[in-house]
Amino acid sequence: MADQETDELWDAFHRVVNMSSRELSEWLRTEAATQDEEALPDQAGPETGRRVLEILGKRKTDLDRDDREVMEKVVDRVYQERRDDLEPAAGEPRWRHRLMSMGHDPLKPARPI
């Protein structure tokens, strides 16, 4: 991927992923916990959410092809389910929780670029 494309994807990803690593990690653990058991922290939540956490801990220069694919998937899915302006909006809890599992809380503003 060309440097300009990587820069644009990096910016778009960090705009739609408006939860911090800590917020996302806590959400994934909470969402994965049941009354009887709790998943290990590195195994909590859906794979996409865990991959988003990994990417948030990387520098742009350390991204690989798999990281870029996950980033593109997250950006595309958030924009498919949200308006382009990403203004905070309430919705059905399941919809919000699904987006939060990818690092996007629709009740929070998008990160400025």
PDB file of N, CA and C in Angstrom:
ATOM      1  N   MET A   1       0.847  -1.175   0.000  1.00  0.00           N
ATOM      2  CA  MET A   1       0.000   0.000   0.000  1.00  0.00           C
ATOM      3  C   MET A   1       0.892   1.238   0.000  1.00  0.00           C
ATOM      4  N   ALA A   2       0.568   2.190  -0.834  1.00  0.00           N
ATOM      5  CA  ALA A   2       1.359   3.411  -0.930  1.00  0.00           C
ATOM      6  C   ALA A   2       1.260   4.200   0.375  1.00  0.00           C
ATOM      7  N   ASP A   3       2.282   5.000   0.627  1.00  0.00           N
ATOM      8  CA  ASP A   3       2.324   5.767   1.872  1.00  0.00           C
ATOM      9  C   ASP A   3       1.114   6.676   2.032  1.00  0.00           C
ATOM     10  N   GLN A   4       0.681   7.321   0.948  1.00  0.00           N
ATOM     11  CA  GLN A   4      -0.479   8.210   1.040  1.00  0.00           C
ATOM     12  C   GLN A   4      -1.736   7.415   1.393  1.00  0.00           C
ATOM     13  N   GLU A   5      -1.902   6.229   0.807  1.00  0.00           N
ATOM     14  CA  GLU A   5      -3.054   5.394   1.123  1.00  0.00           C
ATOM     15  C   GLU A   5      -3.010   4.948   2.579  1.00  0.00           C
ATOM     16  N   THR A   6      -1.820   4.604   3.063  1.00  0.00           N
ATOM     17  CA  THR A   6      -1.670   4.207   4.462  1.00  0.00           C
ATOM     18  C   THR A   6      -2.018   5.375   5.371  1.00  0.00           C
ATOM     19  N   ASP A   7      -1.539   6.569   5.041  1.00  0.00           N
ATOM     20  CA  ASP A   7      -1.852   7.756   5.836  1.00  0.00           C
ATOM     21  C   ASP A   7      -3.359   8.011   5.887  1.00  0.00           C
ATOM     22  N   GLU A   8      -4.031   7.898   4.735  1.00  0.00           N
ATOM     23  CA  GLU A   8      -5.465   8.139   4.673  1.00  0.00           C
ATOM     24  C   GLU A   8      -6.234   7.085   5.473  1.00  0.00           C
ATOM     25  N   LEU A   9      -5.826   5.817   5.353  1.00  0.00           N
ATOM     26  CA  LEU A   9      -6.476   4.750   6.104  1.00  0.00           C
ATOM     27  C   LEU A   9      -6.244   4.931   7.596  1.00  0.00           C
ATOM     28  N   TRP A  10      -5.031   5.276   7.971  1.00  0.00           N
ATOM     29  CA  TRP A  10      -4.681   5.513   9.379  1.00  0.00           C
ATOM     30  C   TRP A  10      -5.578   6.610   9.960  1.00  0.00           C
ATOM     31  N   ASP A  11      -5.704   7.721   9.226  1.00  0.00           N
ATOM     32  CA  ASP A  11      -6.538   8.836   9.692  1.00  0.00           C
ATOM     33  C   ASP A  11      -8.007   8.430   9.798  1.00  0.00           C
ATOM     34  N   ALA A  12      -8.515   7.732   8.780  1.00  0.00           N
ATOM     35  CA  ALA A  12      -9.921   7.306   8.793  1.00  0.00           C
ATOM     36  C   ALA A  12     -10.189   6.338   9.938  1.00  0.00           C
ATOM     37  N   PHE A  13      -9.280   5.407  10.145  1.00  0.00           N
ATOM     38  CA  PHE A  13      -9.421   4.427  11.222  1.00  0.00           C
ATOM     39  C   PHE A  13      -9.441   5.122  12.575  1.00  0.00           C
ATOM     40  N   HIS A  14      -8.512   6.029  12.778  1.00  0.00           N
ATOM     41  CA  HIS A  14      -8.446   6.713  14.063  1.00  0.00           C
ATOM     42  C   HIS A  14      -9.564   7.739  14.238  1.00  0.00           C
ATOM     43  N   ARG A  15     -10.227   8.095  13.171  1.00  0.00           N
ATOM     44  CA  ARG A  15     -11.400   8.962  13.293  1.00  0.00           C
ATOM     45  C   ARG A  15     -12.599   8.152  13.764  1.00  0.00           C
ATOM     46  N   VAL A  16     -12.817   6.971  13.166  1.00  0.00           N
ATOM     47  CA  VAL A  16     -13.999   6.182  13.524  1.00  0.00           C
ATOM     48  C   VAL A  16     -13.808   5.410  14.827  1.00  0.00           C
ATOM     49  N   VAL A  17     -12.592   5.016  15.142  1.00  0.00           N
ATOM     50  CA  VAL A  17     -12.335   4.330  16.412  1.00  0.00           C
ATOM     51  C   VAL A  17     -12.174   5.423  17.468  1.00  0.00           C
ATOM     52  N   ASN A  18     -13.298   5.756  18.083  1.00  0.00           N
ATOM     53  CA  ASN A  18     -13.308   6.877  19.020  1.00  0.00           C
ATOM     54  C   ASN A  18     -13.246   6.429  20.479  1.00  0.00           C
ATOM     55  N   MET A  19     -13.008   5.148  20.689  1.00  0.00           N
ATOM     56  CA  MET A  19     -12.808   4.644  22.048  1.00  0.00           C
ATOM     57  C   MET A  19     -11.309   4.464  22.267  1.00  0.00           C
ATOM     58  N   SER A  20     -10.853   4.774  23.467  1.00  0.00           N
ATOM     59  CA  SER A  20      -9.443   4.561  23.774  1.00  0.00           C
ATOM     60  C   SER A  20      -9.186   3.058  23.919  1.00  0.00           C
ATOM     61  N   SER A  21      -7.928   2.684  23.916  1.00  0.00           N
ATOM     62  CA  SER A  21      -7.569   1.274  24.110  1.00  0.00           C
ATOM     63  C   SER A  21      -8.152   0.757  25.418  1.00  0.00           C
ATOM     64  N   ARG A  22      -8.052   1.562  26.446  1.00  0.00           N
ATOM     65  CA  ARG A  22      -8.573   1.149  27.754  1.00  0.00           C
ATOM     66  C   ARG A  22     -10.086   0.963  27.718  1.00  0.00           C
ATOM     67  N   GLU A  23     -10.796   1.918  27.110  1.00  0.00           N
ATOM     68  CA  GLU A  23     -12.256   1.806  27.017  1.00  0.00           C
ATOM     69  C   GLU A  23     -12.660   0.562  26.231  1.00  0.00           C
ATOM     70  N   LEU A  24     -11.988   0.339  25.110  1.00  0.00           N
ATOM     71  CA  LEU A  24     -12.326  -0.812  24.278  1.00  0.00           C
ATOM     72  C   LEU A  24     -12.009  -2.114  25.006  1.00  0.00           C
ATOM     73  N   SER A  25     -10.869  -2.184  25.649  1.00  0.00           N
ATOM     74  CA  SER A  25     -10.492  -3.390  26.379  1.00  0.00           C
ATOM     75  C   SER A  25     -11.508  -3.694  27.479  1.00  0.00           C
ATOM     76  N   GLU A  26     -11.891  -2.681  28.229  1.00  0.00           N
ATOM     77  CA  GLU A  26     -12.880  -2.865  29.292  1.00  0.00           C
ATOM     78  C   GLU A  26     -14.223  -3.298  28.718  1.00  0.00           C
ATOM     79  N   TRP A  27     -14.620  -2.689  27.603  1.00  0.00           N
ATOM     80  CA  TRP A  27     -15.892  -3.044  26.978  1.00  0.00           C
ATOM     81  C   TRP A  27     -15.859  -4.500  26.504  1.00  0.00           C
ATOM     82  N   LEU A  28     -14.803  -4.921  25.852  1.00  0.00           N
ATOM     83  CA  LEU A  28     -14.718  -6.292  25.355  1.00  0.00           C
ATOM     84  C   LEU A  28     -14.782  -7.295  26.507  1.00  0.00           C
ATOM     85  N   ARG A  29     -14.108  -6.991  27.598  1.00  0.00           N
ATOM     86  CA  ARG A  29     -14.147  -7.898  28.761  1.00  0.00           C
ATOM     87  C   ARG A  29     -15.549  -7.934  29.372  1.00  0.00           C
ATOM     88  N   THR A  30     -16.193  -6.782  29.472  1.00  0.00           N
ATOM     89  CA  THR A  30     -17.532  -6.710  30.038  1.00  0.00           C
ATOM     90  C   THR A  30     -18.528  -7.451  29.155  1.00  0.00           C
ATOM     91  N   GLU A  31     -18.457  -7.218  27.874  1.00  0.00           N
ATOM     92  CA  GLU A  31     -19.395  -7.822  26.928  1.00  0.00           C
ATOM     93  C   GLU A  31     -19.226  -9.340  26.872  1.00  0.00           C
ATOM     94  N   ALA A  32     -18.006  -9.833  27.049  1.00  0.00           N
ATOM     95  CA  ALA A  32     -17.733 -11.269  26.958  1.00  0.00           C
ATOM     96  C   ALA A  32     -18.024 -12.011  28.256  1.00  0.00           C
ATOM     97  N   ALA A  33     -18.124 -11.274  29.349  1.00  0.00           N
ATOM     98  CA  ALA A  33     -18.335 -11.916  30.650  1.00  0.00           C
ATOM     99  C   ALA A  33     -19.768 -12.432  30.763  1.00  0.00           C
ATOM    100  N   THR A  34     -19.888 -13.590  31.386  1.00  0.00           N
ATOM    101  CA  THR A  34     -21.203 -14.136  31.683  1.00  0.00           C
ATOM    102  C   THR A  34     -21.332 -14.205  33.199  1.00  0.00           C
ATOM    103  N   GLN A  35     -22.488 -14.625  33.649  1.00  0.00           N
ATOM    104  CA  GLN A  35     -22.697 -14.710  35.086  1.00  0.00           C
ATOM    105  C   GLN A  35     -21.765 -15.744  35.723  1.00  0.00           C
ATOM    106  N   ASP A  36     -21.410 -16.777  34.949  1.00  0.00           N
ATOM    107  CA  ASP A  36     -20.620 -17.876  35.499  1.00  0.00           C
ATOM    108  C   ASP A  36     -19.129 -17.818  35.195  1.00  0.00           C
ATOM    109  N   GLU A  37     -18.753 -17.097  34.151  1.00  0.00           N
ATOM    110  CA  GLU A  37     -17.327 -17.046  33.826  1.00  0.00           C
ATOM    111  C   GLU A  37     -16.976 -15.777  33.071  1.00  0.00           C
ATOM    112  N   GLU A  38     -15.699 -15.487  33.077  1.00  0.00           N
ATOM    113  CA  GLU A  38     -15.180 -14.308  32.390  1.00  0.00           C
ATOM    114  C   GLU A  38     -14.023 -14.756  31.510  1.00  0.00           C
ATOM    115  N   ALA A  39     -13.998 -14.294  30.266  1.00  0.00           N
ATOM    116  CA  ALA A  39     -12.927 -14.661  29.342  1.00  0.00           C
ATOM    117  C   ALA A  39     -11.613 -14.034  29.770  1.00  0.00           C
ATOM    118  N   LEU A  40     -10.532 -14.672  29.383  1.00  0.00           N
ATOM    119  CA  LEU A  40      -9.218 -14.079  29.624  1.00  0.00           C
ATOM    120  C   LEU A  40      -9.154 -12.756  28.870  1.00  0.00           C
ATOM    121  N   PRO A  41      -8.473 -11.745  29.424  1.00  0.00           N
ATOM    122  CA  PRO A  41      -8.463 -10.420  28.791  1.00  0.00           C
ATOM    123  C   PRO A  41      -8.057 -10.436  27.314  1.00  0.00           C
ATOM    124  N   ASP A  42      -7.077 -11.245  26.936  1.00  0.00           N
ATOM    125  CA  ASP A  42      -6.647 -11.245  25.540  1.00  0.00           C
ATOM    126  C   ASP A  42      -7.544 -12.099  24.647  1.00  0.00           C
ATOM    127  N   GLN A  43      -8.563 -12.735  25.229  1.00  0.00           N
ATOM    128  CA  GLN A  43      -9.498 -13.555  24.455  1.00  0.00           C
ATOM    129  C   GLN A  43     -10.921 -13.028  24.540  1.00  0.00           C
ATOM    130  N   ALA A  44     -11.104 -11.895  25.187  1.00  0.00           N
ATOM    131  CA  ALA A  44     -12.442 -11.342  25.390  1.00  0.00           C
ATOM    132  C   ALA A  44     -12.922 -10.604  24.146  1.00  0.00           C
ATOM    133  N   GLY A  45     -14.178 -10.800  23.826  1.00  0.00           N
ATOM    134  CA  GLY A  45     -14.794 -10.071  22.725  1.00  0.00           C
ATOM    135  C   GLY A  45     -14.537 -10.699  21.374  1.00  0.00           C
ATOM    136  N   PRO A  46     -15.166 -10.128  20.347  1.00  0.00           N
ATOM    137  CA  PRO A  46     -14.991 -10.655  18.992  1.00  0.00           C
ATOM    138  C   PRO A  46     -13.577 -10.407  18.467  1.00  0.00           C
ATOM    139  N   GLU A  47     -13.189 -11.209  17.489  1.00  0.00           N
ATOM    140  CA  GLU A  47     -11.839 -11.096  16.938  1.00  0.00           C
ATOM    141  C   GLU A  47     -11.558  -9.701  16.391  1.00  0.00           C
ATOM    142  N   THR A  48     -12.529  -9.107  15.724  1.00  0.00           N
ATOM    143  CA  THR A  48     -12.304  -7.769  15.171  1.00  0.00           C
ATOM    144  C   THR A  48     -11.957  -6.779  16.280  1.00  0.00           C
ATOM    145  N   GLY A  49     -12.672  -6.834  17.380  1.00  0.00           N
ATOM    146  CA  GLY A  49     -12.375  -5.934  18.491  1.00  0.00           C
ATOM    147  C   GLY A  49     -10.982  -6.155  19.056  1.00  0.00           C
ATOM    148  N   ARG A  50     -10.582  -7.414  19.173  1.00  0.00           N
ATOM    149  CA  ARG A  50      -9.231  -7.707  19.668  1.00  0.00           C
ATOM    150  C   ARG A  50      -8.178  -7.213  18.692  1.00  0.00           C
ATOM    151  N   ARG A  51      -8.453  -7.336  17.401  1.00  0.00           N
ATOM    152  CA  ARG A  51      -7.511  -6.843  16.388  1.00  0.00           C
ATOM    153  C   ARG A  51      -7.422  -5.321  16.425  1.00  0.00           C
ATOM    154  N   VAL A  52      -8.556  -4.649  16.637  1.00  0.00           N
ATOM    155  CA  VAL A  52      -8.540  -3.190  16.763  1.00  0.00           C
ATOM    156  C   VAL A  52      -7.648  -2.791  17.931  1.00  0.00           C
ATOM    157  N   LEU A  53      -7.762  -3.491  19.041  1.00  0.00           N
ATOM    158  CA  LEU A  53      -6.901  -3.210  20.195  1.00  0.00           C
ATOM    159  C   LEU A  53      -5.426  -3.352  19.834  1.00  0.00           C
ATOM    160  N   GLU A  54      -5.087  -4.405  19.112  1.00  0.00           N
ATOM    161  CA  GLU A  54      -3.696  -4.607  18.692  1.00  0.00           C
ATOM    162  C   GLU A  54      -3.220  -3.452  17.820  1.00  0.00           C
ATOM    163  N   ILE A  55      -4.062  -3.046  16.882  1.00  0.00           N
ATOM    164  CA  ILE A  55      -3.689  -1.970  15.957  1.00  0.00           C
ATOM    165  C   ILE A  55      -3.510  -0.655  16.705  1.00  0.00           C
ATOM    166  N   LEU A  56      -4.367  -0.403  17.689  1.00  0.00           N
ATOM    167  CA  LEU A  56      -4.234   0.829  18.472  1.00  0.00           C
ATOM    168  C   LEU A  56      -2.896   0.896  19.197  1.00  0.00           C
ATOM    169  N   GLY A  57      -2.299  -0.245  19.458  1.00  0.00           N
ATOM    170  CA  GLY A  57      -1.009  -0.283  20.131  1.00  0.00           C
ATOM    171  C   GLY A  57       0.179  -0.229  19.192  1.00  0.00           C
ATOM    172  N   LYS A  58      -0.071  -0.084  17.893  1.00  0.00           N
ATOM    173  CA  LYS A  58       1.015  -0.079  16.908  1.00  0.00           C
ATOM    174  C   LYS A  58       1.294   1.321  16.385  1.00  0.00           C
ATOM    175  N   ARG A  59       2.489   1.458  15.851  1.00  0.00           N
ATOM    176  CA  ARG A  59       2.826   2.659  15.092  1.00  0.00           C
ATOM    177  C   ARG A  59       2.422   2.424  13.640  1.00  0.00           C
ATOM    178  N   LYS A  60       2.185   3.484  12.934  1.00  0.00           N
ATOM    179  CA  LYS A  60       1.772   3.379  11.533  1.00  0.00           C
ATOM    180  C   LYS A  60       2.790   2.592  10.710  1.00  0.00           C
ATOM    181  N   THR A  61       4.064   2.769  11.003  1.00  0.00           N
ATOM    182  CA  THR A  61       5.110   2.081  10.235  1.00  0.00           C
ATOM    183  C   THR A  61       5.155   0.585  10.510  1.00  0.00           C
ATOM    184  N   ASP A  62       4.487   0.122  11.577  1.00  0.00           N
ATOM    185  CA  ASP A  62       4.497  -1.299  11.921  1.00  0.00           C
ATOM    186  C   ASP A  62       3.296  -2.070  11.386  1.00  0.00           C
ATOM    187  N   LEU A  63       2.409  -1.399  10.660  1.00  0.00           N
ATOM    188  CA  LEU A  63       1.223  -2.064  10.135  1.00  0.00           C
ATOM    189  C   LEU A  63       1.600  -3.088   9.077  1.00  0.00           C
ATOM    190  N   ASP A  64       0.888  -4.212   9.072  1.00  0.00           N
ATOM    191  CA  ASP A  64       1.069  -5.196   8.009  1.00  0.00           C
ATOM    192  C   ASP A  64      -0.226  -5.286   7.194  1.00  0.00           C
ATOM    193  N   ARG A  65      -0.230  -6.141   6.211  1.00  0.00           N
ATOM    194  CA  ARG A  65      -1.389  -6.255   5.309  1.00  0.00           C
ATOM    195  C   ARG A  65      -2.650  -6.655   6.078  1.00  0.00           C
ATOM    196  N   ASP A  66      -2.522  -7.576   7.029  1.00  0.00           N
ATOM    197  CA  ASP A  66      -3.683  -7.997   7.819  1.00  0.00           C
ATOM    198  C   ASP A  66      -4.245  -6.832   8.639  1.00  0.00           C
ATOM    199  N   ASP A  67      -3.358  -6.017   9.199  1.00  0.00           N
ATOM    200  CA  ASP A  67      -3.801  -4.842   9.947  1.00  0.00           C
ATOM    201  C   ASP A  67      -4.599  -3.909   9.046  1.00  0.00           C
ATOM    202  N   ARG A  68      -4.096  -3.678   7.861  1.00  0.00           N
ATOM    203  CA  ARG A  68      -4.776  -2.769   6.922  1.00  0.00           C
ATOM    204  C   ARG A  68      -6.154  -3.308   6.544  1.00  0.00           C
ATOM    205  N   GLU A  69      -6.252  -4.621   6.365  1.00  0.00           N
ATOM    206  CA  GLU A  69      -7.544  -5.223   6.022  1.00  0.00           C
ATOM    207  C   GLU A  69      -8.543  -5.022   7.150  1.00  0.00           C
ATOM    208  N   VAL A  70      -8.103  -5.216   8.390  1.00  0.00           N
ATOM    209  CA  VAL A  70      -8.983  -5.002   9.543  1.00  0.00           C
ATOM    210  C   VAL A  70      -9.380  -3.530   9.615  1.00  0.00           C
ATOM    211  N   MET A  71      -8.432  -2.637   9.418  1.00  0.00           N
ATOM    212  CA  MET A  71      -8.720  -1.207   9.469  1.00  0.00           C
ATOM    213  C   MET A  71      -9.748  -0.824   8.411  1.00  0.00           C
ATOM    214  N   GLU A  72      -9.581  -1.328   7.194  1.00  0.00           N
ATOM    215  CA  GLU A  72     -10.532  -1.039   6.117  1.00  0.00           C
ATOM    216  C   GLU A  72     -11.914  -1.573   6.468  1.00  0.00           C
ATOM    217  N   LYS A  73     -11.956  -2.781   7.016  1.00  0.00           N
ATOM    218  CA  LYS A  73     -13.229  -3.395   7.399  1.00  0.00           C
ATOM    219  C   LYS A  73     -13.936  -2.549   8.450  1.00  0.00           C
ATOM    220  N   VAL A  74     -13.213  -2.107   9.455  1.00  0.00           N
ATOM    221  CA  VAL A  74     -13.812  -1.311  10.528  1.00  0.00           C
ATOM    222  C   VAL A  74     -14.315   0.025   9.990  1.00  0.00           C
ATOM    223  N   VAL A  75     -13.502   0.707   9.210  1.00  0.00           N
ATOM    224  CA  VAL A  75     -13.907   1.998   8.634  1.00  0.00           C
ATOM    225  C   VAL A  75     -15.157   1.811   7.779  1.00  0.00           C
ATOM    226  N   ASP A  76     -15.152   0.807   6.902  1.00  0.00           N
ATOM    227  CA  ASP A  76     -16.300   0.569   6.023  1.00  0.00           C
ATOM    228  C   ASP A  76     -17.558   0.256   6.825  1.00  0.00           C
ATOM    229  N   ARG A  77     -17.448  -0.607   7.818  1.00  0.00           N
ATOM    230  CA  ARG A  77     -18.632  -1.003   8.593  1.00  0.00           C
ATOM    231  C   ARG A  77     -19.188   0.162   9.402  1.00  0.00           C
ATOM    232  N   VAL A  78     -18.323   0.955   9.988  1.00  0.00           N
ATOM    233  CA  VAL A  78     -18.820   2.100  10.766  1.00  0.00           C
ATOM    234  C   VAL A  78     -19.530   3.084   9.837  1.00  0.00           C
ATOM    235  N   TYR A  79     -18.942   3.388   8.696  1.00  0.00           N
ATOM    236  CA  TYR A  79     -19.593   4.326   7.774  1.00  0.00           C
ATOM    237  C   TYR A  79     -20.880   3.749   7.188  1.00  0.00           C
ATOM    238  N   GLN A  80     -20.947   2.429   7.012  1.00  0.00           N
ATOM    239  CA  GLN A  80     -22.191   1.820   6.516  1.00  0.00           C
ATOM    240  C   GLN A  80     -23.326   1.977   7.526  1.00  0.00           C
ATOM    241  N   GLU A  81     -22.987   1.931   8.806  1.00  0.00           N
ATOM    242  CA  GLU A  81     -24.012   1.975   9.840  1.00  0.00           C
ATOM    243  C   GLU A  81     -24.250   3.367  10.413  1.00  0.00           C
ATOM    244  N   ARG A  82     -23.432   4.313  10.015  1.00  0.00           N
ATOM    245  CA  ARG A  82     -23.534   5.669  10.544  1.00  0.00           C
ATOM    246  C   ARG A  82     -23.666   6.666   9.405  1.00  0.00           C
ATOM    247  N   ARG A  83     -24.098   7.864   9.751  1.00  0.00           N
ATOM    248  CA  ARG A  83     -24.050   8.958   8.773  1.00  0.00           C
ATOM    249  C   ARG A  83     -22.590   9.340   8.561  1.00  0.00           C
ATOM    250  N   ASP A  84     -22.300   9.964   7.454  1.00  0.00           N
ATOM    251  CA  ASP A  84     -20.922  10.354   7.152  1.00  0.00           C
ATOM    252  C   ASP A  84     -20.345  11.350   8.154  1.00  0.00           C
ATOM    253  N   ASP A  85     -21.211  12.148   8.785  1.00  0.00           N
ATOM    254  CA  ASP A  85     -20.688  13.157   9.704  1.00  0.00           C
ATOM    255  C   ASP A  85     -20.301  12.571  11.070  1.00  0.00           C
ATOM    256  N   LEU A  86     -20.728  11.346  11.357  1.00  0.00           N
ATOM    257  CA  LEU A  86     -20.406  10.649  12.601  1.00  0.00           C
ATOM    258  C   LEU A  86     -20.776  11.448  13.854  1.00  0.00           C
ATOM    259  N   GLU A  87     -21.791  12.290  13.739  1.00  0.00           N
ATOM    260  CA  GLU A  87     -22.263  13.032  14.905  1.00  0.00           C
ATOM    261  C   GLU A  87     -22.816  12.040  15.922  1.00  0.00           C
ATOM    262  N   PRO A  88     -22.657  12.321  17.218  1.00  0.00           N
ATOM    263  CA  PRO A  88     -23.195  11.418  18.227  1.00  0.00           C
ATOM    264  C   PRO A  88     -24.688  11.168  18.002  1.00  0.00           C
ATOM    265  N   ALA A  89     -25.074   9.904  18.116  1.00  0.00           N
ATOM    266  CA  ALA A  89     -26.469   9.532  17.887  1.00  0.00           C
ATOM    267  C   ALA A  89     -26.826   8.324  18.740  1.00  0.00           C
ATOM    268  N   ALA A  90     -28.027   8.379  19.310  1.00  0.00           N
ATOM    269  CA  ALA A  90     -28.532   7.240  20.074  1.00  0.00           C
ATOM    270  C   ALA A  90     -29.175   6.258  19.103  1.00  0.00           C
ATOM    271  N   GLY A  91     -29.247   5.038  19.513  1.00  0.00           N
ATOM    272  CA  GLY A  91     -29.878   4.015  18.691  1.00  0.00           C
ATOM    273  C   GLY A  91     -30.188   2.809  19.553  1.00  0.00           C
ATOM    274  N   GLU A  92     -30.554   1.737  18.915  1.00  0.00           N
ATOM    275  CA  GLU A  92     -30.840   0.497  19.626  1.00  0.00           C
ATOM    276  C   GLU A  92     -29.595   0.015  20.363  1.00  0.00           C
ATOM    277  N   PRO A  93     -29.754  -0.491  21.577  1.00  0.00           N
ATOM    278  CA  PRO A  93     -28.582  -0.968  22.336  1.00  0.00           C
ATOM    279  C   PRO A  93     -27.736  -2.003  21.584  1.00  0.00           C
ATOM    280  N   ARG A  94     -28.383  -2.939  20.889  1.00  0.00           N
ATOM    281  CA  ARG A  94     -27.596  -3.956  20.155  1.00  0.00           C
ATOM    282  C   ARG A  94     -26.750  -3.321  19.061  1.00  0.00           C
ATOM    283  N   TRP A  95     -27.283  -2.316  18.395  1.00  0.00           N
ATOM    284  CA  TRP A  95     -26.556  -1.595  17.352  1.00  0.00           C
ATOM    285  C   TRP A  95     -25.348  -0.896  17.969  1.00  0.00           C
ATOM    286  N   ARG A  96     -25.578  -0.195  19.078  1.00  0.00           N
ATOM    287  CA  ARG A  96     -24.484   0.507  19.757  1.00  0.00           C
ATOM    288  C   ARG A  96     -23.417  -0.478  20.227  1.00  0.00           C
ATOM    289  N   HIS A  97     -23.838  -1.566  20.830  1.00  0.00           N
ATOM    290  CA  HIS A  97     -22.890  -2.549  21.349  1.00  0.00           C
ATOM    291  C   HIS A  97     -22.074  -3.194  20.229  1.00  0.00           C
ATOM    292  N   ARG A  98     -22.704  -3.455  19.095  1.00  0.00           N
ATOM    293  CA  ARG A  98     -21.992  -4.025  17.940  1.00  0.00           C
ATOM    294  C   ARG A  98     -20.897  -3.061  17.468  1.00  0.00           C
ATOM    295  N   LEU A  99     -21.221  -1.779  17.382  1.00  0.00           N
ATOM    296  CA  LEU A  99     -20.227  -0.784  16.973  1.00  0.00           C
ATOM    297  C   LEU A  99     -19.139  -0.623  18.026  1.00  0.00           C
ATOM    298  N   MET A 100     -19.526  -0.656  19.297  1.00  0.00           N
ATOM    299  CA  MET A 100     -18.535  -0.525  20.367  1.00  0.00           C
ATOM    300  C   MET A 100     -17.547  -1.687  20.350  1.00  0.00           C
ATOM    301  N   SER A 101     -17.995  -2.860  19.925  1.00  0.00           N
ATOM    302  CA  SER A 101     -17.097  -4.009  19.853  1.00  0.00           C
ATOM    303  C   SER A 101     -16.035  -3.851  18.764  1.00  0.00           C
ATOM    304  N   MET A 102     -16.198  -2.817  17.925  1.00  0.00           N
ATOM    305  CA  MET A 102     -15.182  -2.481  16.916  1.00  0.00           C
ATOM    306  C   MET A 102     -14.429  -1.208  17.302  1.00  0.00           C
ATOM    307  N   GLY A 103     -14.738  -0.644  18.468  1.00  0.00           N
ATOM    308  CA  GLY A 103     -14.041   0.550  18.924  1.00  0.00           C
ATOM    309  C   GLY A 103     -14.741   1.856  18.628  1.00  0.00           C
ATOM    310  N   HIS A 104     -15.995   1.797  18.144  1.00  0.00           N
ATOM    311  CA  HIS A 104     -16.734   3.020  17.829  1.00  0.00           C
ATOM    312  C   HIS A 104     -17.957   3.124  18.727  1.00  0.00           C
ATOM    313  N   ASP A 105     -17.984   4.145  19.564  1.00  0.00           N
ATOM    314  CA  ASP A 105     -19.149   4.411  20.399  1.00  0.00           C
ATOM    315  C   ASP A 105     -19.962   5.503  19.719  1.00  0.00           C
ATOM    316  N   PRO A 106     -21.160   5.177  19.223  1.00  0.00           N
ATOM    317  CA  PRO A 106     -21.953   6.179  18.498  1.00  0.00           C
ATOM    318  C   PRO A 106     -22.452   7.325  19.370  1.00  0.00           C
ATOM    319  N   LEU A 107     -22.322   7.198  20.679  1.00  0.00           N
ATOM    320  CA  LEU A 107     -22.729   8.303  21.558  1.00  0.00           C
ATOM    321  C   LEU A 107     -21.611   9.317  21.775  1.00  0.00           C
ATOM    322  N   LYS A 108     -20.415   8.972  21.310  1.00  0.00           N
ATOM    323  CA  LYS A 108     -19.276   9.883  21.436  1.00  0.00           C
ATOM    324  C   LYS A 108     -18.977  10.517  20.079  1.00  0.00           C
ATOM    325  N   PRO A 109     -18.444  11.718  20.080  1.00  0.00           N
ATOM    326  CA  PRO A 109     -18.065  12.325  18.792  1.00  0.00           C
ATOM    327  C   PRO A 109     -16.876  11.586  18.179  1.00  0.00           C
ATOM    328  N   ALA A 110     -16.795  11.646  16.870  1.00  0.00           N
ATOM    329  CA  ALA A 110     -15.636  11.080  16.178  1.00  0.00           C
ATOM    330  C   ALA A 110     -14.404  11.892  16.553  1.00  0.00           C
ATOM    331  N   ARG A 111     -13.273  11.253  16.469  1.00  0.00           N
ATOM    332  CA  ARG A 111     -12.027  11.973  16.757  1.00  0.00           C
ATOM    333  C   ARG A 111     -11.729  12.929  15.615  1.00  0.00           C
ATOM    334  N   PRO A 112     -11.289  14.128  15.923  1.00  0.00           N
ATOM    335  CA  PRO A 112     -10.923  15.056  14.846  1.00  0.00           C
ATOM    336  C   PRO A 112      -9.669  14.572  14.141  1.00  0.00           C
ATOM    337  N   ILE A 113      -9.562  14.917  12.892  1.00  0.00           N
ATOM    338  CA  ILE A 113      -8.371  14.528  12.117  1.00  0.00           C
ATOM    339  C   ILE A 113      -7.407  15.682  12.089  1.00  0.00           C
TER     340      ILE A 113
END
